[in-house]
Amino acid sequence: MVLETLNPLHYNLTSLVPDTMPVATVPILILMCFLLLVWNHEETSSIPGPGYCMGIGPLISHGRFLWMGVGNACNYYNKTYGEFVRVWISGEETFIISK
């Protein structure tokens, strides 16, 4: 009898998981998708420049200024987006105006 209770094959593992588990995960997944969409939503700016994209845009922009230097990075953004560009330097929105 003791060996029978210690045998892992004796237990039915599917009976341990409640049947409501899949029903509860669907609303949670829908809520997570909705929150992700709201978090990623940004109002379109009339000023050209790299997108925000969950904070990745500012990291790339700041990294480009550190890696290339201010002059080369400004030239890159001006060639890519035009003479009035919005970028992020140290997490702050910065405008580059050149002609």
PDB file of N, CA and C in Angstrom:
ATOM      1  N   MET A   1       0.821  -1.190   0.000  1.00  0.00           N
ATOM      2  CA  MET A   1       0.000   0.000   0.000  1.00  0.00           C
ATOM      3  C   MET A   1       0.870   1.261   0.000  1.00  0.00           C
ATOM      4  N   VAL A   2       1.953   1.290   0.745  1.00  0.00           N
ATOM      5  CA  VAL A   2       2.837   2.446   0.785  1.00  0.00           C
ATOM      6  C   VAL A   2       3.510   2.629  -0.567  1.00  0.00           C
ATOM      7  N   LEU A   3       3.952   1.554  -1.187  1.00  0.00           N
ATOM      8  CA  LEU A   3       4.587   1.634  -2.498  1.00  0.00           C
ATOM      9  C   LEU A   3       3.602   2.126  -3.558  1.00  0.00           C
ATOM     10  N   GLU A   4       2.373   1.740  -3.388  1.00  0.00           N
ATOM     11  CA  GLU A   4       1.355   2.160  -4.356  1.00  0.00           C
ATOM     12  C   GLU A   4       1.092   3.663  -4.281  1.00  0.00           C
ATOM     13  N   THR A   5       1.139   4.268  -3.099  1.00  0.00           N
ATOM     14  CA  THR A   5       0.919   5.713  -2.968  1.00  0.00           C
ATOM     15  C   THR A   5       2.141   6.521  -3.410  1.00  0.00           C
ATOM     16  N   LEU A   6       3.334   5.956  -3.341  1.00  0.00           N
ATOM     17  CA  LEU A   6       4.535   6.648  -3.761  1.00  0.00           C
ATOM     18  C   LEU A   6       4.800   6.515  -5.256  1.00  0.00           C
ATOM     19  N   ASN A   7       4.104   5.655  -5.926  1.00  0.00           N
ATOM     20  CA  ASN A   7       4.301   5.432  -7.357  1.00  0.00           C
ATOM     21  C   ASN A   7       3.731   6.621  -8.137  1.00  0.00           C
ATOM     22  N   PRO A   8       4.586   7.336  -8.913  1.00  0.00           N
ATOM     23  CA  PRO A   8       4.072   8.504  -9.637  1.00  0.00           C
ATOM     24  C   PRO A   8       3.113   8.131 -10.760  1.00  0.00           C
ATOM     25  N   LEU A   9       3.183   6.942 -11.271  1.00  0.00           N
ATOM     26  CA  LEU A   9       2.258   6.531 -12.320  1.00  0.00           C
ATOM     27  C   LEU A   9       0.855   6.285 -11.773  1.00  0.00           C
ATOM     28  N   HIS A  10       0.751   6.189 -10.467  1.00  0.00           N
ATOM     29  CA  HIS A  10      -0.537   5.941  -9.835  1.00  0.00           C
ATOM     30  C   HIS A  10      -1.441   7.177  -9.934  1.00  0.00           C
ATOM     31  N   TYR A  11      -0.860   8.389  -9.952  1.00  0.00           N
ATOM     32  CA  TYR A  11      -1.640   9.615  -9.969  1.00  0.00           C
ATOM     33  C   TYR A  11      -1.965  10.028 -11.400  1.00  0.00           C
ATOM     34  N   ASN A  12      -3.145  10.573 -11.592  1.00  0.00           N
ATOM     35  CA  ASN A  12      -3.541  11.114 -12.878  1.00  0.00           C
ATOM     36  C   ASN A  12      -3.285  12.622 -12.830  1.00  0.00           C
ATOM     37  N   LEU A  13      -2.257  13.074 -13.540  1.00  0.00           N
ATOM     38  CA  LEU A  13      -1.858  14.475 -13.458  1.00  0.00           C
ATOM     39  C   LEU A  13      -2.895  15.422 -14.059  1.00  0.00           C
ATOM     40  N   THR A  14      -3.670  14.958 -15.015  1.00  0.00           N
ATOM     41  CA  THR A  14      -4.672  15.837 -15.616  1.00  0.00           C
ATOM     42  C   THR A  14      -5.797  16.172 -14.639  1.00  0.00           C
ATOM     43  N   SER A  15      -6.011  15.338 -13.667  1.00  0.00           N
ATOM     44  CA  SER A  15      -7.062  15.644 -12.689  1.00  0.00           C
ATOM     45  C   SER A  15      -6.610  16.725 -11.712  1.00  0.00           C
ATOM     46  N   LEU A  16      -5.306  16.986 -11.627  1.00  0.00           N
ATOM     47  CA  LEU A  16      -4.813  18.010 -10.714  1.00  0.00           C
ATOM     48  C   LEU A  16      -5.013  19.417 -11.272  1.00  0.00           C
ATOM     49  N   VAL A  17      -5.050  19.563 -12.598  1.00  0.00           N
ATOM     50  CA  VAL A  17      -5.236  20.865 -13.232  1.00  0.00           C
ATOM     51  C   VAL A  17      -6.730  21.103 -13.406  1.00  0.00           C
ATOM     52  N   PRO A  18      -7.238  22.205 -12.895  1.00  0.00           N
ATOM     53  CA  PRO A  18      -8.678  22.440 -13.026  1.00  0.00           C
ATOM     54  C   PRO A  18      -9.064  22.712 -14.478  1.00  0.00           C
ATOM     55  N   ASP A  19     -10.316  22.426 -14.794  1.00  0.00           N
ATOM     56  CA  ASP A  19     -10.805  22.635 -16.153  1.00  0.00           C
ATOM     57  C   ASP A  19     -10.985  24.109 -16.482  1.00  0.00           C
ATOM     58  N   THR A  20     -10.998  24.977 -15.495  1.00  0.00           N
ATOM     59  CA  THR A  20     -11.181  26.407 -15.748  1.00  0.00           C
ATOM     60  C   THR A  20      -9.901  27.103 -16.178  1.00  0.00           C
ATOM     61  N   MET A  21      -8.782  26.417 -16.123  1.00  0.00           N
ATOM     62  CA  MET A  21      -7.507  27.046 -16.480  1.00  0.00           C
ATOM     63  C   MET A  21      -7.511  27.576 -17.910  1.00  0.00           C
ATOM     64  N   PRO A  22      -7.886  26.813 -18.944  1.00  0.00           N
ATOM     65  CA  PRO A  22      -7.888  27.384 -20.293  1.00  0.00           C
ATOM     66  C   PRO A  22      -8.906  28.508 -20.464  1.00  0.00           C
ATOM     67  N   VAL A  23     -10.000  28.451 -19.744  1.00  0.00           N
ATOM     68  CA  VAL A  23     -11.021  29.498 -19.837  1.00  0.00           C
ATOM     69  C   VAL A  23     -10.498  30.798 -19.236  1.00  0.00           C
ATOM     70  N   ALA A  24      -9.694  30.720 -18.209  1.00  0.00           N
ATOM     71  CA  ALA A  24      -9.168  31.920 -17.559  1.00  0.00           C
ATOM     72  C   ALA A  24      -8.017  32.535 -18.343  1.00  0.00           C
ATOM     73  N   THR A  25      -7.307  31.747 -19.122  1.00  0.00           N
ATOM     74  CA  THR A  25      -6.155  32.298 -19.839  1.00  0.00           C
ATOM     75  C   THR A  25      -6.562  33.140 -21.047  1.00  0.00           C
ATOM     76  N   VAL A  26      -7.689  32.867 -21.655  1.00  0.00           N
ATOM     77  CA  VAL A  26      -8.119  33.622 -22.840  1.00  0.00           C
ATOM     78  C   VAL A  26      -8.352  35.092 -22.504  1.00  0.00           C
ATOM     79  N   PRO A  27      -9.122  35.433 -21.466  1.00  0.00           N
ATOM     80  CA  PRO A  27      -9.276  36.863 -21.141  1.00  0.00           C
ATOM     81  C   PRO A  27      -7.963  37.532 -20.733  1.00  0.00           C
ATOM     82  N   ILE A  28      -7.099  36.793 -20.071  1.00  0.00           N
ATOM     83  CA  ILE A  28      -5.811  37.366 -19.686  1.00  0.00           C
ATOM     84  C   ILE A  28      -4.975  37.669 -20.925  1.00  0.00           C
ATOM     85  N   LEU A  29      -4.961  36.773 -21.896  1.00  0.00           N
ATOM     86  CA  LEU A  29      -4.223  37.015 -23.135  1.00  0.00           C
ATOM     87  C   LEU A  29      -4.804  38.183 -23.918  1.00  0.00           C
ATOM     88  N   ILE A  30      -6.120  38.289 -23.958  1.00  0.00           N
ATOM     89  CA  ILE A  30      -6.759  39.414 -24.647  1.00  0.00           C
ATOM     90  C   ILE A  30      -6.406  40.728 -23.945  1.00  0.00           C
ATOM     91  N   LEU A  31      -6.427  40.738 -22.626  1.00  0.00           N
ATOM     92  CA  LEU A  31      -6.060  41.932 -21.868  1.00  0.00           C
ATOM     93  C   LEU A  31      -4.603  42.313 -22.106  1.00  0.00           C
ATOM     94  N   MET A  32      -3.716  41.335 -22.127  1.00  0.00           N
ATOM     95  CA  MET A  32      -2.298  41.612 -22.386  1.00  0.00           C
ATOM     96  C   MET A  32      -2.091  42.194 -23.777  1.00  0.00           C
ATOM     97  N   CYS A  33      -2.778  41.659 -24.780  1.00  0.00           N
ATOM     98  CA  CYS A  33      -2.671  42.196 -26.147  1.00  0.00           C
ATOM     99  C   CYS A  33      -3.189  43.626 -26.210  1.00  0.00           C
ATOM    100  N   PHE A  34      -4.302  43.888 -25.543  1.00  0.00           N
ATOM    101  CA  PHE A  34      -4.865  45.240 -25.520  1.00  0.00           C
ATOM    102  C   PHE A  34      -3.905  46.228 -24.852  1.00  0.00           C
ATOM    103  N   LEU A  35      -3.319  45.831 -23.722  1.00  0.00           N
ATOM    104  CA  LEU A  35      -2.372  46.707 -23.037  1.00  0.00           C
ATOM    105  C   LEU A  35      -1.123  46.947 -23.878  1.00  0.00           C
ATOM    106  N   LEU A  36      -0.667  45.937 -24.609  1.00  0.00           N
ATOM    107  CA  LEU A  36       0.487  46.097 -25.487  1.00  0.00           C
ATOM    108  C   LEU A  36       0.176  47.072 -26.620  1.00  0.00           C
ATOM    109  N   LEU A  37      -1.037  46.986 -27.179  1.00  0.00           N
ATOM    110  CA  LEU A  37      -1.426  47.917 -28.233  1.00  0.00           C
ATOM    111  C   LEU A  37      -1.518  49.348 -27.719  1.00  0.00           C
ATOM    112  N   VAL A  38      -2.086  49.523 -26.520  1.00  0.00           N
ATOM    113  CA  VAL A  38      -2.208  50.857 -25.940  1.00  0.00           C
ATOM    114  C   VAL A  38      -0.822  51.416 -25.632  1.00  0.00           C
ATOM    115  N   TRP A  39       0.070  50.575 -25.135  1.00  0.00           N
ATOM    116  CA  TRP A  39       1.409  51.020 -24.778  1.00  0.00           C
ATOM    117  C   TRP A  39       2.205  51.417 -26.021  1.00  0.00           C
ATOM    118  N   ASN A  40       2.011  50.698 -27.124  1.00  0.00           N
ATOM    119  CA  ASN A  40       2.746  50.983 -28.348  1.00  0.00           C
ATOM    120  C   ASN A  40       2.138  52.122 -29.154  1.00  0.00           C
ATOM    121  N   HIS A  41       0.911  52.490 -28.846  1.00  0.00           N
ATOM    122  CA  HIS A  41       0.247  53.538 -29.620  1.00  0.00           C
ATOM    123  C   HIS A  41       0.911  54.879 -29.357  1.00  0.00           C
ATOM    124  N   GLU A  42       1.250  55.537 -30.411  1.00  0.00           N
ATOM    125  CA  GLU A  42       1.788  56.890 -30.285  1.00  0.00           C
ATOM    126  C   GLU A  42       1.114  57.755 -31.327  1.00  0.00           C
ATOM    127  N   GLU A  43       0.923  58.968 -30.965  1.00  0.00           N
ATOM    128  CA  GLU A  43       0.325  59.884 -31.921  1.00  0.00           C
ATOM    129  C   GLU A  43       1.379  60.241 -32.962  1.00  0.00           C
ATOM    130  N   THR A  44       0.960  60.270 -34.201  1.00  0.00           N
ATOM    131  CA  THR A  44       1.907  60.558 -35.267  1.00  0.00           C
ATOM    132  C   THR A  44       2.350  62.004 -35.176  1.00  0.00           C
ATOM    133  N   SER A  45       3.626  62.178 -35.244  1.00  0.00           N
ATOM    134  CA  SER A  45       4.196  63.515 -35.166  1.00  0.00           C
ATOM    135  C   SER A  45       4.385  64.062 -36.570  1.00  0.00           C
ATOM    136  N   SER A  46       4.202  65.362 -36.714  1.00  0.00           N
ATOM    137  CA  SER A  46       4.410  65.975 -38.020  1.00  0.00           C
ATOM    138  C   SER A  46       5.897  66.198 -38.286  1.00  0.00           C
ATOM    139  N   ILE A  47       6.720  66.008 -37.254  1.00  0.00           N
ATOM    140  CA  ILE A  47       8.158  66.182 -37.400  1.00  0.00           C
ATOM    141  C   ILE A  47       8.773  64.823 -37.728  1.00  0.00           C
ATOM    142  N   PRO A  48       9.529  64.735 -38.819  1.00  0.00           N
ATOM    143  CA  PRO A  48      10.115  63.441 -39.182  1.00  0.00           C
ATOM    144  C   PRO A  48      11.245  63.054 -38.236  1.00  0.00           C
ATOM    145  N   GLY A  49      11.496  61.769 -38.183  1.00  0.00           N
ATOM    146  CA  GLY A  49      12.575  61.247 -37.358  1.00  0.00           C
ATOM    147  C   GLY A  49      12.321  59.787 -37.053  1.00  0.00           C
ATOM    148  N   PRO A  50      13.247  59.151 -36.370  1.00  0.00           N
ATOM    149  CA  PRO A  50      13.061  57.735 -36.036  1.00  0.00           C
ATOM    150  C   PRO A  50      11.880  57.556 -35.086  1.00  0.00           C
ATOM    151  N   GLY A  51      11.159  56.440 -35.234  1.00  0.00           N
ATOM    152  CA  GLY A  51       9.997  56.174 -34.394  1.00  0.00           C
ATOM    153  C   GLY A  51      10.369  55.829 -32.969  1.00  0.00           C
ATOM    154  N   TYR A  52       9.388  55.925 -32.079  1.00  0.00           N
ATOM    155  CA  TYR A  52       9.625  55.641 -30.663  1.00  0.00           C
ATOM    156  C   TYR A  52       9.734  54.141 -30.413  1.00  0.00           C
ATOM    157  N   CYS A  53       8.779  53.370 -30.883  1.00  0.00           N
ATOM    158  CA  CYS A  53       8.796  51.897 -30.865  1.00  0.00           C
ATOM    159  C   CYS A  53       9.203  51.314 -29.508  1.00  0.00           C
ATOM    160  N   MET A  54       8.386  51.545 -28.481  1.00  0.00           N
ATOM    161  CA  MET A  54       8.576  51.014 -27.135  1.00  0.00           C
ATOM    162  C   MET A  54       9.909  51.431 -26.513  1.00  0.00           C
ATOM    163  N   GLY A  55      10.421  52.584 -26.858  1.00  0.00           N
ATOM    164  CA  GLY A  55      11.656  53.071 -26.274  1.00  0.00           C
ATOM    165  C   GLY A  55      12.911  52.618 -26.987  1.00  0.00           C
ATOM    166  N   ILE A  56      12.756  51.804 -28.031  1.00  0.00           N
ATOM    167  CA  ILE A  56      13.931  51.333 -28.762  1.00  0.00           C
ATOM    168  C   ILE A  56      14.484  52.446 -29.647  1.00  0.00           C
ATOM    169  N   GLY A  57      13.621  53.270 -30.224  1.00  0.00           N
ATOM    170  CA  GLY A  57      14.056  54.381 -31.064  1.00  0.00           C
ATOM    171  C   GLY A  57      14.983  55.351 -30.344  1.00  0.00           C
ATOM    172  N   PRO A  58      14.634  55.786 -29.125  1.00  0.00           N
ATOM    173  CA  PRO A  58      15.549  56.661 -28.395  1.00  0.00           C
ATOM    174  C   PRO A  58      16.886  56.000 -28.072  1.00  0.00           C
ATOM    175  N   LEU A  59      16.873  54.706 -27.774  1.00  0.00           N
ATOM    176  CA  LEU A  59      18.133  54.014 -27.493  1.00  0.00           C
ATOM    177  C   LEU A  59      19.028  53.968 -28.724  1.00  0.00           C
ATOM    178  N   ILE A  60      18.432  53.681 -29.876  1.00  0.00           N
ATOM    179  CA  ILE A  60      19.205  53.631 -31.111  1.00  0.00           C
ATOM    180  C   ILE A  60      19.719  55.021 -31.472  1.00  0.00           C
ATOM    181  N   SER A  61      18.872  56.024 -31.321  1.00  0.00           N
ATOM    182  CA  SER A  61      19.259  57.396 -31.640  1.00  0.00           C
ATOM    183  C   SER A  61      20.421  57.853 -30.758  1.00  0.00           C
ATOM    184  N   HIS A  62      20.296  57.625 -29.457  1.00  0.00           N
ATOM    185  CA  HIS A  62      21.350  58.021 -28.529  1.00  0.00           C
ATOM    186  C   HIS A  62      22.637  57.233 -28.802  1.00  0.00           C
ATOM    187  N   GLY A  63      22.501  55.950 -29.082  1.00  0.00           N
ATOM    188  CA  GLY A  63      23.666  55.126 -29.405  1.00  0.00           C
ATOM    189  C   GLY A  63      24.372  55.592 -30.665  1.00  0.00           C
ATOM    190  N   ARG A  64      23.596  56.021 -31.654  1.00  0.00           N
ATOM    191  CA  ARG A  64      24.198  56.528 -32.896  1.00  0.00           C
ATOM    192  C   ARG A  64      25.006  57.798 -32.622  1.00  0.00           C
ATOM    193  N   PHE A  65      24.498  58.684 -31.765  1.00  0.00           N
ATOM    194  CA  PHE A  65      25.242  59.900 -31.440  1.00  0.00           C
ATOM    195  C   PHE A  65      26.520  59.573 -30.668  1.00  0.00           C
ATOM    196  N   LEU A  66      26.465  58.589 -29.770  1.00  0.00           N
ATOM    197  CA  LEU A  66      27.669  58.206 -29.041  1.00  0.00           C
ATOM    198  C   LEU A  66      28.690  57.534 -29.957  1.00  0.00           C
ATOM    199  N   TRP A  67      28.211  56.699 -30.868  1.00  0.00           N
ATOM    200  CA  TRP A  67      29.091  55.918 -31.726  1.00  0.00           C
ATOM    201  C   TRP A  67      29.689  56.752 -32.857  1.00  0.00           C
ATOM    202  N   MET A  68      28.857  57.542 -33.534  1.00  0.00           N
ATOM    203  CA  MET A  68      29.300  58.286 -34.712  1.00  0.00           C
ATOM    204  C   MET A  68      29.807  59.689 -34.384  1.00  0.00           C
ATOM    205  N   GLY A  69      29.430  60.211 -33.251  1.00  0.00           N
ATOM    206  CA  GLY A  69      29.747  61.601 -32.938  1.00  0.00           C
ATOM    207  C   GLY A  69      28.597  62.488 -33.390  1.00  0.00           C
ATOM    208  N   VAL A  70      28.553  63.684 -32.865  1.00  0.00           N
ATOM    209  CA  VAL A  70      27.435  64.581 -33.126  1.00  0.00           C
ATOM    210  C   VAL A  70      27.362  64.980 -34.596  1.00  0.00           C
ATOM    211  N   GLY A  71      28.479  65.363 -35.183  1.00  0.00           N
ATOM    212  CA  GLY A  71      28.469  65.837 -36.566  1.00  0.00           C
ATOM    213  C   GLY A  71      28.041  64.772 -37.554  1.00  0.00           C
ATOM    214  N   ASN A  72      28.635  63.588 -37.471  1.00  0.00           N
ATOM    215  CA  ASN A  72      28.290  62.515 -38.413  1.00  0.00           C
ATOM    216  C   ASN A  72      26.857  62.025 -38.207  1.00  0.00           C
ATOM    217  N   ALA A  73      26.421  61.946 -36.950  1.00  0.00           N
ATOM    218  CA  ALA A  73      25.048  61.504 -36.688  1.00  0.00           C
ATOM    219  C   ALA A  73      24.048  62.528 -37.213  1.00  0.00           C
ATOM    220  N   CYS A  74      24.342  63.800 -37.040  1.00  0.00           N
ATOM    221  CA  CYS A  74      23.451  64.846 -37.578  1.00  0.00           C
ATOM    222  C   CYS A  74      23.383  64.762 -39.101  1.00  0.00           C
ATOM    223  N   ASN A  75      24.523  64.556 -39.739  1.00  0.00           N
ATOM    224  CA  ASN A  75      24.532  64.420 -41.199  1.00  0.00           C
ATOM    225  C   ASN A  75      23.726  63.202 -41.639  1.00  0.00           C
ATOM    226  N   TYR A  76      23.857  62.097 -40.899  1.00  0.00           N
ATOM    227  CA  TYR A  76      23.096  60.887 -41.232  1.00  0.00           C
ATOM    228  C   TYR A  76      21.595  61.148 -41.142  1.00  0.00           C
ATOM    229  N   TYR A  77      21.146  61.740 -40.035  1.00  0.00           N
ATOM    230  CA  TYR A  77      19.715  61.987 -39.856  1.00  0.00           C
ATOM    231  C   TYR A  77      19.200  63.016 -40.859  1.00  0.00           C
ATOM    232  N   ASN A  78      20.018  63.991 -41.209  1.00  0.00           N
ATOM    233  CA  ASN A  78      19.591  64.982 -42.193  1.00  0.00           C
ATOM    234  C   ASN A  78      19.455  64.370 -43.578  1.00  0.00           C
ATOM    235  N   LYS A  79      20.360  63.465 -43.934  1.00  0.00           N
ATOM    236  CA  LYS A  79      20.239  62.780 -45.224  1.00  0.00           C
ATOM    237  C   LYS A  79      19.035  61.852 -45.245  1.00  0.00           C
ATOM    238  N   THR A  80      18.751  61.225 -44.108  1.00  0.00           N
ATOM    239  CA  THR A  80      17.663  60.244 -44.049  1.00  0.00           C
ATOM    240  C   THR A  80      16.295  60.901 -43.956  1.00  0.00           C
ATOM    241  N   TYR A  81      16.145  61.934 -43.103  1.00  0.00           N
ATOM    242  CA  TYR A  81      14.822  62.492 -42.808  1.00  0.00           C
ATOM    243  C   TYR A  81      14.604  63.921 -43.294  1.00  0.00           C
ATOM    244  N   GLY A  82      15.643  64.624 -43.676  1.00  0.00           N
ATOM    245  CA  GLY A  82      15.465  66.001 -44.127  1.00  0.00           C
ATOM    246  C   GLY A  82      16.155  66.982 -43.208  1.00  0.00           C
ATOM    247  N   GLU A  83      15.838  68.278 -43.400  1.00  0.00           N
ATOM    248  CA  GLU A  83      16.579  69.311 -42.675  1.00  0.00           C
ATOM    249  C   GLU A  83      16.017  69.625 -41.285  1.00  0.00           C
ATOM    250  N   PHE A  84      14.865  69.112 -40.934  1.00  0.00           N
ATOM    251  CA  PHE A  84      14.292  69.309 -39.600  1.00  0.00           C
ATOM    252  C   PHE A  84      13.939  67.929 -39.055  1.00  0.00           C
ATOM    253  N   VAL A  85      14.686  67.454 -38.052  1.00  0.00           N
ATOM    254  CA  VAL A  85      14.588  66.071 -37.577  1.00  0.00           C
ATOM    255  C   VAL A  85      14.410  66.045 -36.068  1.00  0.00           C
ATOM    256  N   ARG A  86      13.586  65.100 -35.605  1.00  0.00           N
ATOM    257  CA  ARG A  86      13.401  64.871 -34.168  1.00  0.00           C
ATOM    258  C   ARG A  86      14.160  63.594 -33.797  1.00  0.00           C
ATOM    259  N   VAL A  87      15.087  63.684 -32.834  1.00  0.00           N
ATOM    260  CA  VAL A  87      15.839  62.533 -32.335  1.00  0.00           C
ATOM    261  C   VAL A  87      15.831  62.589 -30.813  1.00  0.00           C
ATOM    262  N   TRP A  88      16.385  61.565 -30.193  1.00  0.00           N
ATOM    263  CA  TRP A  88      16.491  61.534 -28.738  1.00  0.00           C
ATOM    264  C   TRP A  88      17.960  61.471 -28.356  1.00  0.00           C
ATOM    265  N   ILE A  89      18.366  62.366 -27.479  1.00  0.00           N
ATOM    266  CA  ILE A  89      19.719  62.343 -26.929  1.00  0.00           C
ATOM    267  C   ILE A  89      19.572  62.340 -25.413  1.00  0.00           C
ATOM    268  N   SER A  90      20.127  61.326 -24.773  1.00  0.00           N
ATOM    269  CA  SER A  90      20.012  61.122 -23.315  1.00  0.00           C
ATOM    270  C   SER A  90      18.565  61.064 -22.865  1.00  0.00           C
ATOM    271  N   GLY A  91      17.705  60.485 -23.661  1.00  0.00           N
ATOM    272  CA  GLY A  91      16.312  60.305 -23.309  1.00  0.00           C
ATOM    273  C   GLY A  91      15.447  61.533 -23.506  1.00  0.00           C
ATOM    274  N   GLU A  92      16.021  62.622 -23.971  1.00  0.00           N
ATOM    275  CA  GLU A  92      15.252  63.843 -24.185  1.00  0.00           C
ATOM    276  C   GLU A  92      15.060  64.063 -25.682  1.00  0.00           C
ATOM    277  N   GLU A  93      13.873  64.501 -26.041  1.00  0.00           N
ATOM    278  CA  GLU A  93      13.581  64.775 -27.438  1.00  0.00           C
ATOM    279  C   GLU A  93      14.374  65.999 -27.881  1.00  0.00           C
ATOM    280  N   THR A  94      15.121  65.847 -28.970  1.00  0.00           N
ATOM    281  CA  THR A  94      15.994  66.901 -29.460  1.00  0.00           C
ATOM    282  C   THR A  94      15.697  67.141 -30.934  1.00  0.00           C
ATOM    283  N   PHE A  95      15.693  68.398 -31.349  1.00  0.00           N
ATOM    284  CA  PHE A  95      15.435  68.738 -32.743  1.00  0.00           C
ATOM    285  C   PHE A  95      16.736  69.167 -33.402  1.00  0.00           C
ATOM    286  N   ILE A  96      16.979  68.600 -34.576  1.00  0.00           N
ATOM    287  CA  ILE A  96      18.145  68.992 -35.366  1.00  0.00           C
ATOM    288  C   ILE A  96      17.631  69.814 -36.540  1.00  0.00           C
ATOM    289  N   ILE A  97      18.099  71.042 -36.619  1.00  0.00           N
ATOM    290  CA  ILE A  97      17.695  71.934 -37.695  1.00  0.00           C
ATOM    291  C   ILE A  97      18.962  72.293 -38.485  1.00  0.00           C
ATOM    292  N   SER A  98      18.960  71.980 -39.758  1.00  0.00           N
ATOM    293  CA  SER A  98      20.112  72.304 -40.582  1.00  0.00           C
ATOM    294  C   SER A  98      19.661  72.537 -42.008  1.00  0.00           C
ATOM    295  N   LYS A  99      20.520  73.130 -42.767  1.00  0.00           N
ATOM    296  CA  LYS A  99      20.201  73.367 -44.169  1.00  0.00           C
ATOM    297  C   LYS A  99      21.447  73.148 -44.992  1.00  0.00           C
TER     298      LYS A  99
END
